[in-house]
Amino acid sequence: MLYGKAVVSTAVGQNHEYIVNEVSGLLTPPGDEAAFAQALARLVEDAGLRQKVGMNARARILQQFLWSGRAGDNCERAYHSVLPQKHVEPVTSLA
């Protein structure tokens, strides 16, 4: 996805967090081999869909899942939400 390639996957586990069906990839029902094959065929036959989905996939990964994107901000917010808020006076002299 990061390389702008269209993907087909099954809708199991956390795949839906990465792939928005028909937007950043194609999701098929688990165990439905015919639907998976049909989704692959759609991407092979439709260059516009393949390009759109690939570009959307790359944008989604860059914005949502890289540390420099939203992932870093989300982690920082999580730390701040669980750490006690303590005010520490700055040291102005060692005497």
C-alpha atoms as a PDB file:
ATOM      1  CA  MET A   1       0.000   0.000   0.000  1.00  0.00           C
ATOM      2  CA  LEU A   2       2.821   2.385   0.827  1.00  0.00           C
ATOM      3  CA  TYR A   3       4.139   1.922  -2.714  1.00  0.00           C
ATOM      4  CA  GLY A   4       0.816   2.965  -4.231  1.00  0.00           C
ATOM      5  CA  LYS A   5      -0.208  -0.527  -5.258  1.00  0.00           C
ATOM      6  CA  ALA A   6      -3.826  -1.611  -5.191  1.00  0.00           C
ATOM      7  CA  VAL A   7      -4.519  -4.498  -2.824  1.00  0.00           C
ATOM      8  CA  VAL A   8      -7.134  -7.182  -2.419  1.00  0.00           C
ATOM      9  CA  SER A   9      -7.625  -8.789   0.965  1.00  0.00           C
ATOM     10  CA  THR A  10     -10.183 -10.604   3.028  1.00  0.00           C
ATOM     11  CA  ALA A  11     -12.199  -8.730   5.625  1.00  0.00           C
ATOM     12  CA  VAL A  12     -10.672 -10.459   8.639  1.00  0.00           C
ATOM     13  CA  GLY A  13      -8.721  -9.292  11.660  1.00  0.00           C
ATOM     14  CA  GLN A  14      -7.529  -5.713  11.475  1.00  0.00           C
ATOM     15  CA  ASN A  15      -7.513  -5.482   7.670  1.00  0.00           C
ATOM     16  CA  HIS A  16     -10.431  -3.051   7.759  1.00  0.00           C
ATOM     17  CA  GLU A  17      -8.261  -0.578   9.692  1.00  0.00           C
ATOM     18  CA  TYR A  18      -5.850  -0.363   6.786  1.00  0.00           C
ATOM     19  CA  ILE A  19      -8.142  -0.986   3.851  1.00  0.00           C
ATOM     20  CA  VAL A  20     -11.324   0.976   3.261  1.00  0.00           C
ATOM     21  CA  ASN A  21     -13.256  -1.146   0.790  1.00  0.00           C
ATOM     22  CA  GLU A  22     -13.443   0.361  -2.694  1.00  0.00           C
ATOM     23  CA  VAL A  23     -11.358   3.346  -1.512  1.00  0.00           C
ATOM     24  CA  SER A  24      -7.897   2.136  -0.474  1.00  0.00           C
ATOM     25  CA  GLY A  25      -8.275  -1.475  -1.539  1.00  0.00           C
ATOM     26  CA  LEU A  26     -10.805  -4.197  -2.122  1.00  0.00           C
ATOM     27  CA  LEU A  27     -12.048  -6.372   0.733  1.00  0.00           C
ATOM     28  CA  THR A  28     -13.757  -9.696   0.181  1.00  0.00           C
ATOM     29  CA  PRO A  29     -15.622 -11.988   2.562  1.00  0.00           C
ATOM     30  CA  PRO A  30     -13.420 -14.540   4.334  1.00  0.00           C
ATOM     31  CA  GLY A  31     -13.358 -17.889   2.582  1.00  0.00           C
ATOM     32  CA  ASP A  32     -15.061 -16.608  -0.578  1.00  0.00           C
ATOM     33  CA  GLU A  33     -12.530 -17.576  -3.216  1.00  0.00           C
ATOM     34  CA  ALA A  34     -14.809 -16.532  -6.067  1.00  0.00           C
ATOM     35  CA  ALA A  35     -15.199 -13.003  -4.641  1.00  0.00           C
ATOM     36  CA  PHE A  36     -11.438 -12.749  -4.143  1.00  0.00           C
ATOM     37  CA  ALA A  37     -10.775 -13.827  -7.732  1.00  0.00           C
ATOM     38  CA  GLN A  38     -13.416 -11.394  -8.989  1.00  0.00           C
ATOM     39  CA  ALA A  39     -11.816  -8.520  -7.045  1.00  0.00           C
ATOM     40  CA  LEU A  40      -8.412  -9.359  -8.514  1.00  0.00           C
ATOM     41  CA  ALA A  41      -9.915  -9.491 -12.008  1.00  0.00           C
ATOM     42  CA  ARG A  42     -11.521  -6.061 -11.484  1.00  0.00           C
ATOM     43  CA  LEU A  43      -8.141  -4.547 -10.676  1.00  0.00           C
ATOM     44  CA  VAL A  44      -6.444  -6.250 -13.614  1.00  0.00           C
ATOM     45  CA  GLU A  45      -9.128  -5.105 -16.057  1.00  0.00           C
ATOM     46  CA  ASP A  46      -9.756  -1.575 -14.746  1.00  0.00           C
ATOM     47  CA  ALA A  47      -6.609   0.573 -14.834  1.00  0.00           C
ATOM     48  CA  GLY A  48      -8.485   3.620 -13.500  1.00  0.00           C
ATOM     49  CA  LEU A  49      -9.732   1.734 -10.450  1.00  0.00           C
ATOM     50  CA  ARG A  50      -6.307   0.197  -9.915  1.00  0.00           C
ATOM     51  CA  GLN A  51      -4.628   3.610 -10.019  1.00  0.00           C
ATOM     52  CA  LYS A  52      -7.248   5.333  -7.825  1.00  0.00           C
ATOM     53  CA  VAL A  53      -7.185   2.613  -5.180  1.00  0.00           C
ATOM     54  CA  GLY A  54      -3.387   2.496  -5.211  1.00  0.00           C
ATOM     55  CA  MET A  55      -3.044   6.252  -4.758  1.00  0.00           C
ATOM     56  CA  ASN A  56      -5.653   6.253  -1.983  1.00  0.00           C
ATOM     57  CA  ALA A  57      -3.868   3.353  -0.273  1.00  0.00           C
ATOM     58  CA  ARG A  58      -0.565   5.233  -0.273  1.00  0.00           C
ATOM     59  CA  ALA A  59      -2.196   8.397   1.062  1.00  0.00           C
ATOM     60  CA  ARG A  60      -3.944   6.436   3.823  1.00  0.00           C
ATOM     61  CA  ILE A  61      -0.724   4.794   4.995  1.00  0.00           C
ATOM     62  CA  LEU A  62       1.215   8.071   4.908  1.00  0.00           C
ATOM     63  CA  GLN A  63      -1.481   9.988   6.811  1.00  0.00           C
ATOM     64  CA  GLN A  64      -2.656   7.387   9.289  1.00  0.00           C
ATOM     65  CA  PHE A  65       0.021   4.835   9.999  1.00  0.00           C
ATOM     66  CA  LEU A  66       3.513   6.279   9.652  1.00  0.00           C
ATOM     67  CA  TRP A  67       5.195   7.720  12.729  1.00  0.00           C
ATOM     68  CA  SER A  68       5.585  11.055  10.967  1.00  0.00           C
ATOM     69  CA  GLY A  69       1.852  11.080  10.278  1.00  0.00           C
ATOM     70  CA  ARG A  70      -0.995  10.570  12.687  1.00  0.00           C
ATOM     71  CA  ALA A  71       0.523   7.537  14.427  1.00  0.00           C
ATOM     72  CA  GLY A  72       3.100   9.669  16.268  1.00  0.00           C
ATOM     73  CA  ASP A  73       0.472  12.170  17.354  1.00  0.00           C
ATOM     74  CA  ASN A  74      -1.838   9.393  18.553  1.00  0.00           C
ATOM     75  CA  CYS A  75       0.952   7.793  20.582  1.00  0.00           C
ATOM     76  CA  GLU A  76       1.884  11.103  22.187  1.00  0.00           C
ATOM     77  CA  ARG A  77      -1.753  11.793  23.119  1.00  0.00           C
ATOM     78  CA  ALA A  78      -2.050   8.309  24.621  1.00  0.00           C
ATOM     79  CA  TYR A  79       1.036   8.841  26.786  1.00  0.00           C
ATOM     80  CA  HIS A  80      -0.216  12.209  28.002  1.00  0.00           C
ATOM     81  CA  SER A  81      -3.621  10.770  28.838  1.00  0.00           C
ATOM     82  CA  VAL A  82      -2.198   8.110  31.170  1.00  0.00           C
ATOM     83  CA  LEU A  83       0.803   9.846  32.703  1.00  0.00           C
ATOM     84  CA  PRO A  84       0.209  11.855  35.859  1.00  0.00           C
ATOM     85  CA  GLN A  85       0.369  15.578  35.281  1.00  0.00           C
ATOM     86  CA  LYS A  86       3.104  16.853  37.585  1.00  0.00           C
ATOM     87  CA  HIS A  87       4.429  20.342  37.660  1.00  0.00           C
ATOM     88  CA  VAL A  88       8.161  20.486  38.241  1.00  0.00           C
ATOM     89  CA  GLU A  89       9.773  23.772  39.242  1.00  0.00           C
ATOM     90  CA  PRO A  90      12.820  24.598  37.133  1.00  0.00           C
ATOM     91  CA  VAL A  91      16.175  24.574  38.902  1.00  0.00           C
ATOM     92  CA  THR A  92      17.560  28.116  38.952  1.00  0.00           C
ATOM     93  CA  SER A  93      20.587  27.601  41.150  1.00  0.00           C
ATOM     94  CA  LEU A  94      22.582  24.764  42.598  1.00  0.00           C
ATOM     95  CA  ALA A  95      23.281  26.572  45.893  1.00  0.00           C
END
